[in-house]
């Protein structure tokens, strides 16, 4: 993957995570997230949306496709962006830098659900 592709993917992932509806995809919370109070869920999603703590340790490819943070009273939260070739989510995309050829899925989960 080229640095240009990684930069494009990171920009698309950031836009998608922040709610840009022009980037095709879906957002999911796992059963553990869904079991939390609506207020906690809202705060967790806000932290996912505003996440900016990318480093070599959590973002080795520079794609901004993973994040983790502590959430008071809940524990560690993970979020991950995966790329599929279409909205049926059957096949991985080989071109996540191209929104016409990729469908993003953002999953937010409790770390112990991983």
C-alpha atoms as a PDB file:
ATOM      1  CA  UNK A   1       0.000   0.000   0.000  1.00  0.00           C
ATOM      2  CA  UNK A   2       1.326   3.411  -0.866  1.00  0.00           C
ATOM      3  CA  UNK A   3       1.630   6.249   1.625  1.00  0.00           C
ATOM      4  CA  UNK A   4      -0.856   8.186  -0.514  1.00  0.00           C
ATOM      5  CA  UNK A   5      -3.396   5.363  -0.231  1.00  0.00           C
ATOM      6  CA  UNK A   6      -2.862   5.132   3.533  1.00  0.00           C
ATOM      7  CA  UNK A   7      -3.391   8.892   3.865  1.00  0.00           C
ATOM      8  CA  UNK A   8      -6.560   8.705   1.761  1.00  0.00           C
ATOM      9  CA  UNK A   9      -7.846   5.752   3.790  1.00  0.00           C
ATOM     10  CA  UNK A  10      -7.129   7.601   7.058  1.00  0.00           C
ATOM     11  CA  UNK A  11      -8.975  10.686   5.814  1.00  0.00           C
ATOM     12  CA  UNK A  12     -11.956   8.587   4.679  1.00  0.00           C
ATOM     13  CA  UNK A  13     -12.003   6.656   7.968  1.00  0.00           C
ATOM     14  CA  UNK A  14     -11.908   9.876   9.984  1.00  0.00           C
ATOM     15  CA  UNK A  15     -14.724  11.384   7.940  1.00  0.00           C
ATOM     16  CA  UNK A  16     -16.782   8.185   8.201  1.00  0.00           C
ATOM     17  CA  UNK A  17     -16.209   7.858  11.945  1.00  0.00           C
ATOM     18  CA  UNK A  18     -17.284  11.476  12.398  1.00  0.00           C
ATOM     19  CA  UNK A  19     -20.554  10.820  10.561  1.00  0.00           C
ATOM     20  CA  UNK A  20     -19.928  11.885   6.952  1.00  0.00           C
ATOM     21  CA  UNK A  21     -22.866  10.295   5.126  1.00  0.00           C
ATOM     22  CA  UNK A  22     -21.072  10.570   1.781  1.00  0.00           C
ATOM     23  CA  UNK A  23     -18.816   7.694   2.849  1.00  0.00           C
ATOM     24  CA  UNK A  24     -20.738   4.419   2.323  1.00  0.00           C
ATOM     25  CA  UNK A  25     -20.978   2.211   5.374  1.00  0.00           C
ATOM     26  CA  UNK A  26     -22.653   1.206   8.616  1.00  0.00           C
ATOM     27  CA  UNK A  27     -21.988   1.682  12.307  1.00  0.00           C
ATOM     28  CA  UNK A  28     -22.553  -1.035  14.886  1.00  0.00           C
ATOM     29  CA  UNK A  29     -22.371  -1.369  18.630  1.00  0.00           C
ATOM     30  CA  UNK A  30     -21.945  -4.871  20.017  1.00  0.00           C
ATOM     31  CA  UNK A  31     -24.299  -6.491  22.523  1.00  0.00           C
ATOM     32  CA  UNK A  32     -22.095  -5.224  25.356  1.00  0.00           C
ATOM     33  CA  UNK A  33     -22.428  -1.641  24.158  1.00  0.00           C
ATOM     34  CA  UNK A  34     -26.179  -2.052  23.585  1.00  0.00           C
ATOM     35  CA  UNK A  35     -26.584  -3.296  27.177  1.00  0.00           C
ATOM     36  CA  UNK A  36     -25.281  -0.005  28.571  1.00  0.00           C
ATOM     37  CA  UNK A  37     -27.548   2.889  29.430  1.00  0.00           C
ATOM     38  CA  UNK A  38     -28.483   5.202  26.545  1.00  0.00           C
ATOM     39  CA  UNK A  39     -26.480   8.001  28.208  1.00  0.00           C
ATOM     40  CA  UNK A  40     -23.313   5.863  28.387  1.00  0.00           C
ATOM     41  CA  UNK A  41     -23.787   4.744  24.800  1.00  0.00           C
ATOM     42  CA  UNK A  42     -24.081   8.349  23.680  1.00  0.00           C
ATOM     43  CA  UNK A  43     -20.900   9.320  25.523  1.00  0.00           C
ATOM     44  CA  UNK A  44     -18.993   6.340  24.113  1.00  0.00           C
ATOM     45  CA  UNK A  45     -20.049   7.169  20.551  1.00  0.00           C
ATOM     46  CA  UNK A  46     -19.002  10.779  21.143  1.00  0.00           C
ATOM     47  CA  UNK A  47     -15.549   9.568  22.245  1.00  0.00           C
ATOM     48  CA  UNK A  48     -15.287   7.353  19.150  1.00  0.00           C
ATOM     49  CA  UNK A  49     -16.252  10.282  16.942  1.00  0.00           C
ATOM     50  CA  UNK A  50     -13.689  12.605  18.489  1.00  0.00           C
ATOM     51  CA  UNK A  51     -10.886  10.033  18.871  1.00  0.00           C
ATOM     52  CA  UNK A  52      -7.513  11.440  17.777  1.00  0.00           C
ATOM     53  CA  UNK A  53      -4.964   9.492  19.849  1.00  0.00           C
ATOM     54  CA  UNK A  54      -3.341   7.662  16.934  1.00  0.00           C
ATOM     55  CA  UNK A  55       0.178   6.315  17.387  1.00  0.00           C
ATOM     56  CA  UNK A  56       2.510   3.710  15.921  1.00  0.00           C
ATOM     57  CA  UNK A  57       1.207   1.300  18.570  1.00  0.00           C
ATOM     58  CA  UNK A  58      -2.475   1.500  17.625  1.00  0.00           C
ATOM     59  CA  UNK A  59      -2.179   2.683  14.017  1.00  0.00           C
ATOM     60  CA  UNK A  60       0.897   1.011  12.471  1.00  0.00           C
ATOM     61  CA  UNK A  61      -0.371   1.399   8.894  1.00  0.00           C
ATOM     62  CA  UNK A  62      -1.532   5.002   9.316  1.00  0.00           C
ATOM     63  CA  UNK A  63      -5.132   4.222   8.295  1.00  0.00           C
ATOM     64  CA  UNK A  64      -6.955   5.428  11.452  1.00  0.00           C
ATOM     65  CA  UNK A  65      -8.914   2.167  11.448  1.00  0.00           C
ATOM     66  CA  UNK A  66      -8.649   1.270  15.155  1.00  0.00           C
ATOM     67  CA  UNK A  67      -8.853   2.996  18.498  1.00  0.00           C
ATOM     68  CA  UNK A  68      -9.080   2.150  22.175  1.00  0.00           C
ATOM     69  CA  UNK A  69      -9.856   4.181  25.257  1.00  0.00           C
ATOM     70  CA  UNK A  70     -10.899   3.806  28.869  1.00  0.00           C
ATOM     71  CA  UNK A  71     -14.469   4.679  29.701  1.00  0.00           C
ATOM     72  CA  UNK A  72     -15.239   5.410  33.337  1.00  0.00           C
ATOM     73  CA  UNK A  73     -17.315   2.718  34.981  1.00  0.00           C
ATOM     74  CA  UNK A  74     -17.243   0.464  31.915  1.00  0.00           C
ATOM     75  CA  UNK A  75     -13.593  -0.288  31.180  1.00  0.00           C
ATOM     76  CA  UNK A  76     -11.710  -0.412  27.922  1.00  0.00           C
ATOM     77  CA  UNK A  77     -13.583   0.315  24.689  1.00  0.00           C
ATOM     78  CA  UNK A  78     -12.348  -0.722  21.231  1.00  0.00           C
ATOM     79  CA  UNK A  79     -13.538   0.555  17.884  1.00  0.00           C
ATOM     80  CA  UNK A  80     -12.548  -0.820  14.483  1.00  0.00           C
ATOM     81  CA  UNK A  81     -13.219   0.050  10.844  1.00  0.00           C
ATOM     82  CA  UNK A  82     -13.350  -2.842   8.372  1.00  0.00           C
ATOM     83  CA  UNK A  83     -13.666  -2.620   4.586  1.00  0.00           C
ATOM     84  CA  UNK A  84     -15.990  -4.638   2.397  1.00  0.00           C
ATOM     85  CA  UNK A  85     -16.538  -4.739  -1.352  1.00  0.00           C
ATOM     86  CA  UNK A  86     -20.272  -4.038  -0.990  1.00  0.00           C
ATOM     87  CA  UNK A  87     -23.084  -3.477   1.473  1.00  0.00           C
ATOM     88  CA  UNK A  88     -23.756  -7.232   1.736  1.00  0.00           C
ATOM     89  CA  UNK A  89     -20.446  -7.379   3.635  1.00  0.00           C
ATOM     90  CA  UNK A  90     -19.510 -10.742   2.133  1.00  0.00           C
ATOM     91  CA  UNK A  91     -16.075  -9.927   0.717  1.00  0.00           C
ATOM     92  CA  UNK A  92     -13.282  -7.690   1.873  1.00  0.00           C
ATOM     93  CA  UNK A  93     -12.479  -4.676  -0.257  1.00  0.00           C
ATOM     94  CA  UNK A  94      -9.115  -4.555  -1.979  1.00  0.00           C
ATOM     95  CA  UNK A  95      -9.498  -0.790  -2.523  1.00  0.00           C
ATOM     96  CA  UNK A  96     -10.444   0.898   0.773  1.00  0.00           C
ATOM     97  CA  UNK A  97      -9.008   4.132  -0.629  1.00  0.00           C
ATOM     98  CA  UNK A  98     -11.832   4.206  -3.216  1.00  0.00           C
ATOM     99  CA  UNK A  99     -15.363   4.846  -1.890  1.00  0.00           C
ATOM    100  CA  UNK A 100     -16.853   3.430  -5.093  1.00  0.00           C
ATOM    101  CA  UNK A 101     -15.173   0.095  -4.331  1.00  0.00           C
ATOM    102  CA  UNK A 102     -15.482  -0.073  -0.574  1.00  0.00           C
ATOM    103  CA  UNK A 103     -18.122  -0.160   2.139  1.00  0.00           C
ATOM    104  CA  UNK A 104     -16.975   0.687   5.654  1.00  0.00           C
ATOM    105  CA  UNK A 105     -18.195  -0.953   8.833  1.00  0.00           C
ATOM    106  CA  UNK A 106     -17.419   0.692  12.162  1.00  0.00           C
ATOM    107  CA  UNK A 107     -17.821  -1.613  15.154  1.00  0.00           C
ATOM    108  CA  UNK A 108     -17.668  -0.353  18.738  1.00  0.00           C
ATOM    109  CA  UNK A 109     -17.222  -2.967  21.471  1.00  0.00           C
ATOM    110  CA  UNK A 110     -16.209  -3.637  25.018  1.00  0.00           C
ATOM    111  CA  UNK A 111     -12.614  -4.866  25.045  1.00  0.00           C
ATOM    112  CA  UNK A 112     -13.656  -8.168  26.624  1.00  0.00           C
ATOM    113  CA  UNK A 113     -15.932  -8.829  23.629  1.00  0.00           C
ATOM    114  CA  UNK A 114     -12.968  -8.893  21.271  1.00  0.00           C
END
